[in-house]
PDB file of N, CA and C in Angstrom:
ATOM      1  N   MET A   1       7.057  -8.828 -11.598  1.00  0.00           N
ATOM      2  CA  MET A   1       7.529  -8.940 -10.240  1.00  0.00           C
ATOM      3  C   MET A   1       6.811  -7.897  -9.393  1.00  0.00           C
ATOM      4  N   ASP A   2       6.292  -8.300  -8.283  1.00  0.00           N
ATOM      5  CA  ASP A   2       5.592  -7.417  -7.359  1.00  0.00           C
ATOM      6  C   ASP A   2       6.556  -6.987  -6.262  1.00  0.00           C
ATOM      7  N   LEU A   3       6.892  -5.714  -6.265  1.00  0.00           N
ATOM      8  CA  LEU A   3       7.857  -5.197  -5.293  1.00  0.00           C
ATOM      9  C   LEU A   3       7.201  -4.413  -4.169  1.00  0.00           C
ATOM     10  N   TYR A   4       5.901  -4.164  -4.273  1.00  0.00           N
ATOM     11  CA  TYR A   4       5.281  -3.240  -3.327  1.00  0.00           C
ATOM     12  C   TYR A   4       5.473  -3.650  -1.873  1.00  0.00           C
ATOM     13  N   GLY A   5       5.346  -4.911  -1.560  1.00  0.00           N
ATOM     14  CA  GLY A   5       5.445  -5.348  -0.179  1.00  0.00           C
ATOM     15  C   GLY A   5       6.854  -5.409   0.370  1.00  0.00           C
ATOM     16  N   GLU A   6       7.847  -5.267  -0.466  1.00  0.00           N
ATOM     17  CA  GLU A   6       9.232  -5.337  -0.018  1.00  0.00           C
ATOM     18  C   GLU A   6       9.619  -4.078   0.754  1.00  0.00           C
ATOM     19  N   ASP A   7      10.297  -4.259   1.887  1.00  0.00           N
ATOM     20  CA  ASP A   7      10.718  -3.117   2.703  1.00  0.00           C
ATOM     21  C   ASP A   7      11.586  -2.145   1.926  1.00  0.00           C
ATOM     22  N   SER A   8      12.460  -2.666   1.090  1.00  0.00           N
ATOM     23  CA  SER A   8      13.352  -1.788   0.330  1.00  0.00           C
ATOM     24  C   SER A   8      12.562  -0.892  -0.619  1.00  0.00           C
ATOM     25  N   PHE A   9      11.471  -1.395  -1.182  1.00  0.00           N
ATOM     26  CA  PHE A   9      10.645  -0.566  -2.060  1.00  0.00           C
ATOM     27  C   PHE A   9       9.889   0.482  -1.260  1.00  0.00           C
ATOM     28  N   GLN A  10       9.404   0.123  -0.090  1.00  0.00           N
ATOM     29  CA  GLN A  10       8.672   1.072   0.734  1.00  0.00           C
ATOM     30  C   GLN A  10       9.512   2.308   1.030  1.00  0.00           C
ATOM     31  N   ARG A  11      10.810   2.104   1.244  1.00  0.00           N
ATOM     32  CA  ARG A  11      11.694   3.222   1.576  1.00  0.00           C
ATOM     33  C   ARG A  11      11.927   4.156   0.398  1.00  0.00           C
ATOM     34  N   VAL A  12      11.874   3.661  -0.824  1.00  0.00           N
ATOM     35  CA  VAL A  12      12.176   4.498  -1.984  1.00  0.00           C
ATOM     36  C   VAL A  12      10.945   4.815  -2.835  1.00  0.00           C
ATOM     37  N   GLN A  13       9.781   4.386  -2.389  1.00  0.00           N
ATOM     38  CA  GLN A  13       8.568   4.550  -3.183  1.00  0.00           C
ATOM     39  C   GLN A  13       8.331   5.992  -3.611  1.00  0.00           C
ATOM     40  N   SER A  14       8.494   6.941  -2.709  1.00  0.00           N
ATOM     41  CA  SER A  14       8.219   8.335  -3.071  1.00  0.00           C
ATOM     42  C   SER A  14       9.166   8.835  -4.158  1.00  0.00           C
ATOM     43  N   PHE A  15      10.381   8.298  -4.226  1.00  0.00           N
ATOM     44  CA  PHE A  15      11.307   8.686  -5.293  1.00  0.00           C
ATOM     45  C   PHE A  15      10.803   8.222  -6.656  1.00  0.00           C
ATOM     46  N   TYR A  16      10.175   7.058  -6.704  1.00  0.00           N
ATOM     47  CA  TYR A  16       9.616   6.553  -7.959  1.00  0.00           C
ATOM     48  C   TYR A  16       8.391   7.355  -8.378  1.00  0.00           C
ATOM     49  N   LEU A  17       7.670   7.868  -7.416  1.00  0.00           N
ATOM     50  CA  LEU A  17       6.438   8.585  -7.710  1.00  0.00           C
ATOM     51  C   LEU A  17       6.679  10.033  -8.111  1.00  0.00           C
ATOM     52  N   ARG A  18       7.664  10.684  -7.515  1.00  0.00           N
ATOM     53  CA  ARG A  18       7.886  12.113  -7.745  1.00  0.00           C
ATOM     54  C   ARG A  18       7.997  12.441  -9.222  1.00  0.00           C
ATOM     55  N   GLY A  19       7.297  13.508  -9.597  1.00  0.00           N
ATOM     56  CA  GLY A  19       7.361  13.993 -10.964  1.00  0.00           C
ATOM     57  C   GLY A  19       6.408  13.292 -11.915  1.00  0.00           C
ATOM     58  N   SER A  20       5.679  12.298 -11.434  1.00  0.00           N
ATOM     59  CA  SER A  20       4.753  11.578 -12.308  1.00  0.00           C
ATOM     60  C   SER A  20       3.544  12.445 -12.622  1.00  0.00           C
ATOM     61  N   SER A  21       3.089  12.349 -13.852  1.00  0.00           N
ATOM     62  CA  SER A  21       1.900  13.081 -14.285  1.00  0.00           C
ATOM     63  C   SER A  21       0.670  12.188 -14.275  1.00  0.00           C
ATOM     64  N   GLY A  22       0.870  10.915 -13.992  1.00  0.00           N
ATOM     65  CA  GLY A  22      -0.211   9.942 -13.947  1.00  0.00           C
ATOM     66  C   GLY A  22       0.388   8.571 -13.716  1.00  0.00           C
ATOM     67  N   TYR A  23      -0.461   7.606 -13.423  1.00  0.00           N
ATOM     68  CA  TYR A  23       0.056   6.259 -13.170  1.00  0.00           C
ATOM     69  C   TYR A  23      -1.037   5.215 -13.342  1.00  0.00           C
ATOM     70  N   LEU A  24      -0.597   3.993 -13.552  1.00  0.00           N
ATOM     71  CA  LEU A  24      -1.463   2.822 -13.637  1.00  0.00           C
ATOM     72  C   LEU A  24      -1.190   1.939 -12.437  1.00  0.00           C
ATOM     73  N   LEU A  25      -2.243   1.429 -11.828  1.00  0.00           N
ATOM     74  CA  LEU A  25      -2.110   0.411 -10.791  1.00  0.00           C
ATOM     75  C   LEU A  25      -2.635  -0.882 -11.384  1.00  0.00           C
ATOM     76  N   VAL A  26      -1.862  -1.935 -11.311  1.00  0.00           N
ATOM     77  CA  VAL A  26      -2.282  -3.229 -11.842  1.00  0.00           C
ATOM     78  C   VAL A  26      -2.508  -4.172 -10.672  1.00  0.00           C
ATOM     79  N   THR A  27      -3.711  -4.754 -10.605  1.00  0.00           N
ATOM     80  CA  THR A  27      -4.029  -5.698  -9.548  1.00  0.00           C
ATOM     81  C   THR A  27      -4.505  -7.011 -10.153  1.00  0.00           C
ATOM     82  N   ASP A  28      -4.477  -8.032  -9.350  1.00  0.00           N
ATOM     83  CA  ASP A  28      -4.868  -9.381  -9.745  1.00  0.00           C
ATOM     84  C   ASP A  28      -6.349  -9.571  -9.445  1.00  0.00           C
ATOM     85  N   GLY A  29      -7.167  -9.660 -10.472  1.00  0.00           N
ATOM     86  CA  GLY A  29      -8.605  -9.807 -10.286  1.00  0.00           C
ATOM     87  C   GLY A  29      -9.025 -11.103  -9.633  1.00  0.00           C
ATOM     88  N   THR A  30      -8.117 -12.058  -9.525  1.00  0.00           N
ATOM     89  CA  THR A  30      -8.445 -13.328  -8.883  1.00  0.00           C
ATOM     90  C   THR A  30      -8.132 -13.306  -7.391  1.00  0.00           C
ATOM     91  N   ARG A  31      -7.538 -12.210  -6.915  1.00  0.00           N
ATOM     92  CA  ARG A  31      -7.152 -12.112  -5.500  1.00  0.00           C
ATOM     93  C   ARG A  31      -7.693 -10.807  -4.916  1.00  0.00           C
ATOM     94  N   PRO A  32      -8.823 -10.868  -4.215  1.00  0.00           N
ATOM     95  CA  PRO A  32      -9.454  -9.652  -3.679  1.00  0.00           C
ATOM     96  C   PRO A  32      -8.538  -8.815  -2.786  1.00  0.00           C
ATOM     97  N   GLU A  33      -7.589  -9.456  -2.105  1.00  0.00           N
ATOM     98  CA  GLU A  33      -6.706  -8.701  -1.211  1.00  0.00           C
ATOM     99  C   GLU A  33      -5.830  -7.700  -1.966  1.00  0.00           C
ATOM    100  N   THR A  34      -5.692  -7.853  -3.280  1.00  0.00           N
ATOM    101  CA  THR A  34      -4.878  -6.904  -4.034  1.00  0.00           C
ATOM    102  C   THR A  34      -5.547  -5.537  -4.126  1.00  0.00           C
ATOM    103  N   LEU A  35      -6.876  -5.476  -3.947  1.00  0.00           N
ATOM    104  CA  LEU A  35      -7.547  -4.175  -3.936  1.00  0.00           C
ATOM    105  C   LEU A  35      -7.116  -3.343  -2.731  1.00  0.00           C
ATOM    106  N   GLU A  36      -6.898  -4.002  -1.611  1.00  0.00           N
ATOM    107  CA  GLU A  36      -6.435  -3.285  -0.417  1.00  0.00           C
ATOM    108  C   GLU A  36      -5.047  -2.699  -0.660  1.00  0.00           C
ATOM    109  N   VAL A  37      -4.190  -3.480  -1.276  1.00  0.00           N
ATOM    110  CA  VAL A  37      -2.841  -2.997  -1.613  1.00  0.00           C
ATOM    111  C   VAL A  37      -2.948  -1.816  -2.580  1.00  0.00           C
ATOM    112  N   ALA A  38      -3.825  -1.926  -3.570  1.00  0.00           N
ATOM    113  CA  ALA A  38      -4.003  -0.841  -4.542  1.00  0.00           C
ATOM    114  C   ALA A  38      -4.482   0.423  -3.850  1.00  0.00           C
ATOM    115  N   GLN A  39      -5.372   0.286  -2.878  1.00  0.00           N
ATOM    116  CA  GLN A  39      -5.852   1.455  -2.149  1.00  0.00           C
ATOM    117  C   GLN A  39      -4.722   2.107  -1.358  1.00  0.00           C
ATOM    118  N   ASN A  40      -3.853   1.307  -0.772  1.00  0.00           N
ATOM    119  CA  ASN A  40      -2.695   1.841  -0.043  1.00  0.00           C
ATOM    120  C   ASN A  40      -1.746   2.569  -0.982  1.00  0.00           C
ATOM    121  N   ILE A  41      -1.485   1.983  -2.138  1.00  0.00           N
ATOM    122  CA  ILE A  41      -0.594   2.620  -3.113  1.00  0.00           C
ATOM    123  C   ILE A  41      -1.204   3.933  -3.594  1.00  0.00           C
ATOM    124  N   GLN A  42      -2.489   3.906  -3.905  1.00  0.00           N
ATOM    125  CA  GLN A  42      -3.150   5.097  -4.411  1.00  0.00           C
ATOM    126  C   GLN A  42      -3.131   6.209  -3.365  1.00  0.00           C
ATOM    127  N   GLN A  43      -3.352   5.866  -2.117  1.00  0.00           N
ATOM    128  CA  GLN A  43      -3.314   6.860  -1.044  1.00  0.00           C
ATOM    129  C   GLN A  43      -1.917   7.473  -0.934  1.00  0.00           C
ATOM    130  N   ARG A  44      -0.892   6.626  -0.972  1.00  0.00           N
ATOM    131  CA  ARG A  44       0.492   7.114  -0.892  1.00  0.00           C
ATOM    132  C   ARG A  44       0.826   7.990  -2.104  1.00  0.00           C
ATOM    133  N   ALA A  45       0.382   7.571  -3.273  1.00  0.00           N
ATOM    134  CA  ALA A  45       0.645   8.348  -4.485  1.00  0.00           C
ATOM    135  C   ALA A  45      -0.010   9.712  -4.402  1.00  0.00           C
ATOM    136  N   GLN A  46      -1.233   9.779  -3.892  1.00  0.00           N
ATOM    137  CA  GLN A  46      -1.902  11.069  -3.754  1.00  0.00           C
ATOM    138  C   GLN A  46      -1.173  11.970  -2.766  1.00  0.00           C
ATOM    139  N   GLU A  47      -0.619  11.386  -1.708  1.00  0.00           N
ATOM    140  CA  GLU A  47       0.144  12.172  -0.735  1.00  0.00           C
ATOM    141  C   GLU A  47       1.367  12.805  -1.388  1.00  0.00           C
ATOM    142  N   VAL A  48       2.010  12.058  -2.268  1.00  0.00           N
ATOM    143  CA  VAL A  48       3.239  12.532  -2.920  1.00  0.00           C
ATOM    144  C   VAL A  48       2.933  13.441  -4.110  1.00  0.00           C
ATOM    145  N   LEU A  49       1.935  13.060  -4.928  1.00  0.00           N
ATOM    146  CA  LEU A  49       1.693  13.735  -6.198  1.00  0.00           C
ATOM    147  C   LEU A  49       0.540  14.729  -6.197  1.00  0.00           C
ATOM    148  N   GLY A  50      -0.372  14.574  -5.269  1.00  0.00           N
ATOM    149  CA  GLY A  50      -1.611  15.331  -5.358  1.00  0.00           C
ATOM    150  C   GLY A  50      -2.532  14.629  -6.341  1.00  0.00           C
ATOM    151  N   PRO A  51      -3.549  15.334  -6.807  1.00  0.00           N
ATOM    152  CA  PRO A  51      -4.514  14.692  -7.703  1.00  0.00           C
ATOM    153  C   PRO A  51      -4.009  14.613  -9.145  1.00  0.00           C
ATOM    154  N   VAL A  52      -3.481  13.484  -9.519  1.00  0.00           N
ATOM    155  CA  VAL A  52      -3.076  13.239 -10.909  1.00  0.00           C
ATOM    156  C   VAL A  52      -3.898  12.062 -11.433  1.00  0.00           C
ATOM    157  N   PRO A  53      -4.047  11.953 -12.745  1.00  0.00           N
ATOM    158  CA  PRO A  53      -4.815  10.843 -13.306  1.00  0.00           C
ATOM    159  C   PRO A  53      -4.190   9.488 -12.969  1.00  0.00           C
ATOM    160  N   PHE A  54      -5.053   8.527 -12.711  1.00  0.00           N
ATOM    161  CA  PHE A  54      -4.585   7.160 -12.542  1.00  0.00           C
ATOM    162  C   PHE A  54      -5.675   6.196 -12.981  1.00  0.00           C
ATOM    163  N   ILE A  55      -5.254   5.015 -13.336  1.00  0.00           N
ATOM    164  CA  ILE A  55      -6.173   3.964 -13.764  1.00  0.00           C
ATOM    165  C   ILE A  55      -5.847   2.703 -12.998  1.00  0.00           C
ATOM    166  N   LEU A  56      -6.887   2.047 -12.521  1.00  0.00           N
ATOM    167  CA  LEU A  56      -6.737   0.733 -11.908  1.00  0.00           C
ATOM    168  C   LEU A  56      -6.997  -0.303 -12.989  1.00  0.00           C
ATOM    169  N   MET A  57      -5.976  -1.098 -13.276  1.00  0.00           N
ATOM    170  CA  MET A  57      -6.110  -2.185 -14.246  1.00  0.00           C
ATOM    171  C   MET A  57      -6.360  -3.478 -13.466  1.00  0.00           C
ATOM    172  N   LEU A  58      -7.564  -4.008 -13.576  1.00  0.00           N
ATOM    173  CA  LEU A  58      -7.892  -5.278 -12.939  1.00  0.00           C
ATOM    174  C   LEU A  58      -7.501  -6.384 -13.912  1.00  0.00           C
ATOM    175  N   ASN A  59      -6.390  -6.998 -13.627  1.00  0.00           N
ATOM    176  CA  ASN A  59      -5.799  -7.977 -14.537  1.00  0.00           C
ATOM    177  C   ASN A  59      -6.375  -9.370 -14.318  1.00  0.00           C
ATOM    178  N   LYS A  60      -6.083 -10.232 -15.247  1.00  0.00           N
ATOM    179  CA  LYS A  60      -6.536 -11.635 -15.278  1.00  0.00           C
ATOM    180  C   LYS A  60      -8.033 -11.747 -15.530  1.00  0.00           C
ATOM    181  N   HIS A  61      -8.539 -10.863 -16.386  1.00  0.00           N
ATOM    182  CA  HIS A  61      -9.955 -10.879 -16.730  1.00  0.00           C
ATOM    183  C   HIS A  61     -10.334 -12.142 -17.499  1.00  0.00           C
ATOM    184  N   ASP A  62      -9.337 -12.881 -17.960  1.00  0.00           N
ATOM    185  CA  ASP A  62      -9.578 -14.131 -18.677  1.00  0.00           C
ATOM    186  C   ASP A  62      -9.795 -15.314 -17.731  1.00  0.00           C
ATOM    187  N   LEU A  63      -9.681 -15.105 -16.422  1.00  0.00           N
ATOM    188  CA  LEU A  63      -9.838 -16.163 -15.421  1.00  0.00           C
ATOM    189  C   LEU A  63     -11.054 -15.872 -14.530  1.00  0.00           C
ATOM    190  N   PRO A  64     -11.516 -16.872 -13.778  1.00  0.00           N
ATOM    191  CA  PRO A  64     -12.623 -16.625 -12.844  1.00  0.00           C
ATOM    192  C   PRO A  64     -12.224 -15.591 -11.786  1.00  0.00           C
ATOM    193  N   TRP A  65     -13.123 -14.647 -11.538  1.00  0.00           N
ATOM    194  CA  TRP A  65     -12.847 -13.549 -10.620  1.00  0.00           C
ATOM    195  C   TRP A  65     -13.377 -13.811  -9.241  1.00  0.00           C
ATOM    196  N   GLU A  66     -12.729 -13.195  -8.261  1.00  0.00           N
ATOM    197  CA  GLU A  66     -13.206 -13.274  -6.885  1.00  0.00           C
ATOM    198  C   GLU A  66     -13.507 -11.890  -6.322  1.00  0.00           C
ATOM    199  N   ILE A  67     -13.229 -10.853  -7.077  1.00  0.00           N
ATOM    200  CA  ILE A  67     -13.510  -9.496  -6.616  1.00  0.00           C
ATOM    201  C   ILE A  67     -14.985  -9.198  -6.866  1.00  0.00           C
ATOM    202  N   ARG A  68     -15.647  -8.707  -5.822  1.00  0.00           N
ATOM    203  CA  ARG A  68     -17.072  -8.417  -5.930  1.00  0.00           C
ATOM    204  C   ARG A  68     -17.310  -7.047  -6.556  1.00  0.00           C
ATOM    205  N   GLU A  69     -18.362  -6.973  -7.340  1.00  0.00           N
ATOM    206  CA  GLU A  69     -18.711  -5.722  -8.016  1.00  0.00           C
ATOM    207  C   GLU A  69     -19.009  -4.614  -7.012  1.00  0.00           C
ATOM    208  N   ALA A  70     -19.513  -4.962  -5.840  1.00  0.00           N
ATOM    209  CA  ALA A  70     -19.804  -3.949  -4.815  1.00  0.00           C
ATOM    210  C   ALA A  70     -18.536  -3.208  -4.406  1.00  0.00           C
ATOM    211  N   GLU A  71     -17.435  -3.936  -4.285  1.00  0.00           N
ATOM    212  CA  GLU A  71     -16.153  -3.297  -3.944  1.00  0.00           C
ATOM    213  C   GLU A  71     -15.724  -2.333  -5.048  1.00  0.00           C
ATOM    214  N   LEU A  72     -15.881  -2.764  -6.287  1.00  0.00           N
ATOM    215  CA  LEU A  72     -15.495  -1.922  -7.417  1.00  0.00           C
ATOM    216  C   LEU A  72     -16.393  -0.693  -7.510  1.00  0.00           C
ATOM    217  N   SER A  73     -17.665  -0.860  -7.196  1.00  0.00           N
ATOM    218  CA  SER A  73     -18.596   0.275  -7.209  1.00  0.00           C
ATOM    219  C   SER A  73     -18.170   1.341  -6.199  1.00  0.00           C
ATOM    220  N   LYS A  74     -17.705   0.908  -5.033  1.00  0.00           N
ATOM    221  CA  LYS A  74     -17.214   1.856  -4.024  1.00  0.00           C
ATOM    222  C   LYS A  74     -16.027   2.649  -4.563  1.00  0.00           C
ATOM    223  N   LEU A  75     -15.107   1.947  -5.228  1.00  0.00           N
ATOM    224  CA  LEU A  75     -13.935   2.628  -5.778  1.00  0.00           C
ATOM    225  C   LEU A  75     -14.334   3.582  -6.893  1.00  0.00           C
ATOM    226  N   ARG A  76     -15.261   3.168  -7.745  1.00  0.00           N
ATOM    227  CA  ARG A  76     -15.734   4.065  -8.813  1.00  0.00           C
ATOM    228  C   ARG A  76     -16.372   5.320  -8.209  1.00  0.00           C
ATOM    229  N   ALA A  77     -17.127   5.149  -7.128  1.00  0.00           N
ATOM    230  CA  ALA A  77     -17.765   6.295  -6.471  1.00  0.00           C
ATOM    231  C   ALA A  77     -16.721   7.264  -5.918  1.00  0.00           C
ATOM    232  N   MET A  78     -15.523   6.750  -5.619  1.00  0.00           N
ATOM    233  CA  MET A  78     -14.423   7.597  -5.128  1.00  0.00           C
ATOM    234  C   MET A  78     -13.637   8.206  -6.285  1.00  0.00           C
ATOM    235  N   GLY A  79     -14.085   7.971  -7.524  1.00  0.00           N
ATOM    236  CA  GLY A  79     -13.432   8.562  -8.687  1.00  0.00           C
ATOM    237  C   GLY A  79     -12.407   7.680  -9.376  1.00  0.00           C
ATOM    238  N   TRP A  80     -12.337   6.419  -8.975  1.00  0.00           N
ATOM    239  CA  TRP A  80     -11.369   5.521  -9.594  1.00  0.00           C
ATOM    240  C   TRP A  80     -11.833   5.157 -11.004  1.00  0.00           C
ATOM    241  N   ASN A  81     -10.905   5.202 -11.943  1.00  0.00           N
ATOM    242  CA  ASN A  81     -11.140   4.795 -13.325  1.00  0.00           C
ATOM    243  C   ASN A  81     -10.651   3.351 -13.440  1.00  0.00           C
ATOM    244  N   ILE A  82     -11.567   2.405 -13.628  1.00  0.00           N
ATOM    245  CA  ILE A  82     -11.230   0.983 -13.581  1.00  0.00           C
ATOM    246  C   ILE A  82     -11.340   0.361 -14.968  1.00  0.00           C
ATOM    247  N   HIS A  83     -10.283  -0.348 -15.357  1.00  0.00           N
ATOM    248  CA  HIS A  83     -10.254  -1.063 -16.632  1.00  0.00           C
ATOM    249  C   HIS A  83     -10.049  -2.550 -16.359  1.00  0.00           C
ATOM    250  N   TYR A  84     -10.759  -3.363 -17.109  1.00  0.00           N
ATOM    251  CA  TYR A  84     -10.595  -4.822 -17.022  1.00  0.00           C
ATOM    252  C   TYR A  84      -9.586  -5.242 -18.068  1.00  0.00           C
ATOM    253  N   THR A  85      -8.548  -5.967 -17.635  1.00  0.00           N
ATOM    254  CA  THR A  85      -7.473  -6.331 -18.558  1.00  0.00           C
ATOM    255  C   THR A  85      -7.059  -7.784 -18.405  1.00  0.00           C
ATOM    256  N   SER A  86      -6.332  -8.247 -19.410  1.00  0.00           N
ATOM    257  CA  SER A  86      -5.709  -9.566 -19.363  1.00  0.00           C
ATOM    258  C   SER A  86      -4.339  -9.457 -20.017  1.00  0.00           C
ATOM    259  N   ALA A  87      -3.313  -9.669 -19.238  1.00  0.00           N
ATOM    260  CA  ALA A  87      -1.965  -9.661 -19.805  1.00  0.00           C
ATOM    261  C   ALA A  87      -1.793 -10.843 -20.759  1.00  0.00           C
ATOM    262  N   LYS A  88      -2.497 -11.920 -20.480  1.00  0.00           N
ATOM    263  CA  LYS A  88      -2.388 -13.129 -21.304  1.00  0.00           C
ATOM    264  C   LYS A  88      -2.965 -12.908 -22.701  1.00  0.00           C
ATOM    265  N   THR A  89      -4.155 -12.306 -22.775  1.00  0.00           N
ATOM    266  CA  THR A  89      -4.801 -12.116 -24.079  1.00  0.00           C
ATOM    267  C   THR A  89      -4.584 -10.717 -24.652  1.00  0.00           C
ATOM    268  N   GLY A  90      -4.152  -9.782 -23.817  1.00  0.00           N
ATOM    269  CA  GLY A  90      -3.970  -8.406 -24.258  1.00  0.00           C
ATOM    270  C   GLY A  90      -5.234  -7.563 -24.133  1.00  0.00           C
ATOM    271  N   GLU A  91      -6.330  -8.178 -23.698  1.00  0.00           N
ATOM    272  CA  GLU A  91      -7.597  -7.471 -23.576  1.00  0.00           C
ATOM    273  C   GLU A  91      -7.458  -6.257 -22.665  1.00  0.00           C
ATOM    274  N   GLY A  92      -7.872  -5.100 -23.178  1.00  0.00           N
ATOM    275  CA  GLY A  92      -7.950  -3.893 -22.383  1.00  0.00           C
ATOM    276  C   GLY A  92      -6.647  -3.176 -22.078  1.00  0.00           C
ATOM    277  N   VAL A  93      -5.519  -3.766 -22.412  1.00  0.00           N
ATOM    278  CA  VAL A  93      -4.234  -3.163 -22.050  1.00  0.00           C
ATOM    279  C   VAL A  93      -3.994  -1.875 -22.840  1.00  0.00           C
ATOM    280  N   GLU A  94      -4.115  -1.945 -24.142  1.00  0.00           N
ATOM    281  CA  GLU A  94      -3.868  -0.765 -24.977  1.00  0.00           C
ATOM    282  C   GLU A  94      -4.851   0.355 -24.628  1.00  0.00           C
ATOM    283  N   GLU A  95      -6.100  -0.005 -24.400  1.00  0.00           N
ATOM    284  CA  GLU A  95      -7.110   0.982 -24.054  1.00  0.00           C
ATOM    285  C   GLU A  95      -6.792   1.672 -22.732  1.00  0.00           C
ATOM    286  N   SER A  96      -6.257   0.918 -21.781  1.00  0.00           N
ATOM    287  CA  SER A  96      -5.902   1.497 -20.481  1.00  0.00           C
ATOM    288  C   SER A  96      -4.824   2.558 -20.632  1.00  0.00           C
ATOM    289  N   PHE A  97      -3.776   2.230 -21.394  1.00  0.00           N
ATOM    290  CA  PHE A  97      -2.697   3.192 -21.592  1.00  0.00           C
ATOM    291  C   PHE A  97      -3.179   4.399 -22.389  1.00  0.00           C
ATOM    292  N   ALA A  98      -4.011   4.171 -23.397  1.00  0.00           N
ATOM    293  CA  ALA A  98      -4.532   5.280 -24.212  1.00  0.00           C
ATOM    294  C   ALA A  98      -5.399   6.204 -23.359  1.00  0.00           C
ATOM    295  N   ASP A  99      -6.232   5.629 -22.494  1.00  0.00           N
ATOM    296  CA  ASP A  99      -7.089   6.427 -21.623  1.00  0.00           C
ATOM    297  C   ASP A  99      -6.241   7.276 -20.677  1.00  0.00           C
ATOM    298  N   LEU A 100      -5.210   6.667 -20.083  1.00  0.00           N
ATOM    299  CA  LEU A 100      -4.340   7.424 -19.185  1.00  0.00           C
ATOM    300  C   LEU A 100      -3.649   8.565 -19.932  1.00  0.00           C
ATOM    301  N   ALA A 101      -3.144   8.287 -21.118  1.00  0.00           N
ATOM    302  CA  ALA A 101      -2.465   9.338 -21.900  1.00  0.00           C
ATOM    303  C   ALA A 101      -3.420  10.481 -22.205  1.00  0.00           C
ATOM    304  N   GLN A 102      -4.664  10.172 -22.576  1.00  0.00           N
ATOM    305  CA  GLN A 102      -5.643  11.222 -22.847  1.00  0.00           C
ATOM    306  C   GLN A 102      -5.901  12.059 -21.604  1.00  0.00           C
ATOM    307  N   GLN A 103      -6.022  11.415 -20.469  1.00  0.00           N
ATOM    308  CA  GLN A 103      -6.264  12.151 -19.217  1.00  0.00           C
ATOM    309  C   GLN A 103      -5.077  13.052 -18.877  1.00  0.00           C
ATOM    310  N   MET A 104      -3.881  12.538 -19.091  1.00  0.00           N
ATOM    311  CA  MET A 104      -2.686  13.304 -18.753  1.00  0.00           C
ATOM    312  C   MET A 104      -2.503  14.508 -19.674  1.00  0.00           C
ATOM    313  N   LEU A 105      -2.950  14.386 -20.912  1.00  0.00           N
ATOM    314  CA  LEU A 105      -2.795  15.475 -21.884  1.00  0.00           C
ATOM    315  C   LEU A 105      -3.916  16.496 -21.822  1.00  0.00           C
ATOM    316  N   ARG A 106      -4.997  16.160 -21.128  1.00  0.00           N
ATOM    317  CA  ARG A 106      -6.139  17.056 -21.001  1.00  0.00           C
ATOM    318  C   ARG A 106      -5.724  18.284 -20.198  1.00  0.00           C
ATOM    319  N   PRO A 107      -6.065  19.483 -20.695  1.00  0.00           N
ATOM    320  CA  PRO A 107      -5.715  20.696 -19.939  1.00  0.00           C
ATOM    321  C   PRO A 107      -6.377  20.691 -18.560  1.00  0.00           C
ATOM    322  N   SER A 108      -5.665  21.187 -17.577  1.00  0.00           N
ATOM    323  CA  SER A 108      -6.205  21.220 -16.201  1.00  0.00           C
ATOM    324  C   SER A 108      -7.164  22.343 -16.013  1.00  0.00           C
TER     325      SER A 108
END
């Protein structure tokens, strides 16, 4: 369930973020507009948390994609750690969580 666009979630979002040591953003690789939403979430998370590890999981890697590599290159240049995943096949999911855990456990 996607709650990000709901007004009720917008009001309590910072409460969900507070105290987090890292986070995963999951977007739909078949819908380019989800990258804009991910950028908004990431910006808000940085405002609340400061610089903590995060991973962008581009989901639905098992389907035809509409997100252009140029857009992803821009995000990588900004320091985004991007993983290609498929909830349907499980591709990349375990690796994404393992990578985030390693980043979170790394001494600052």
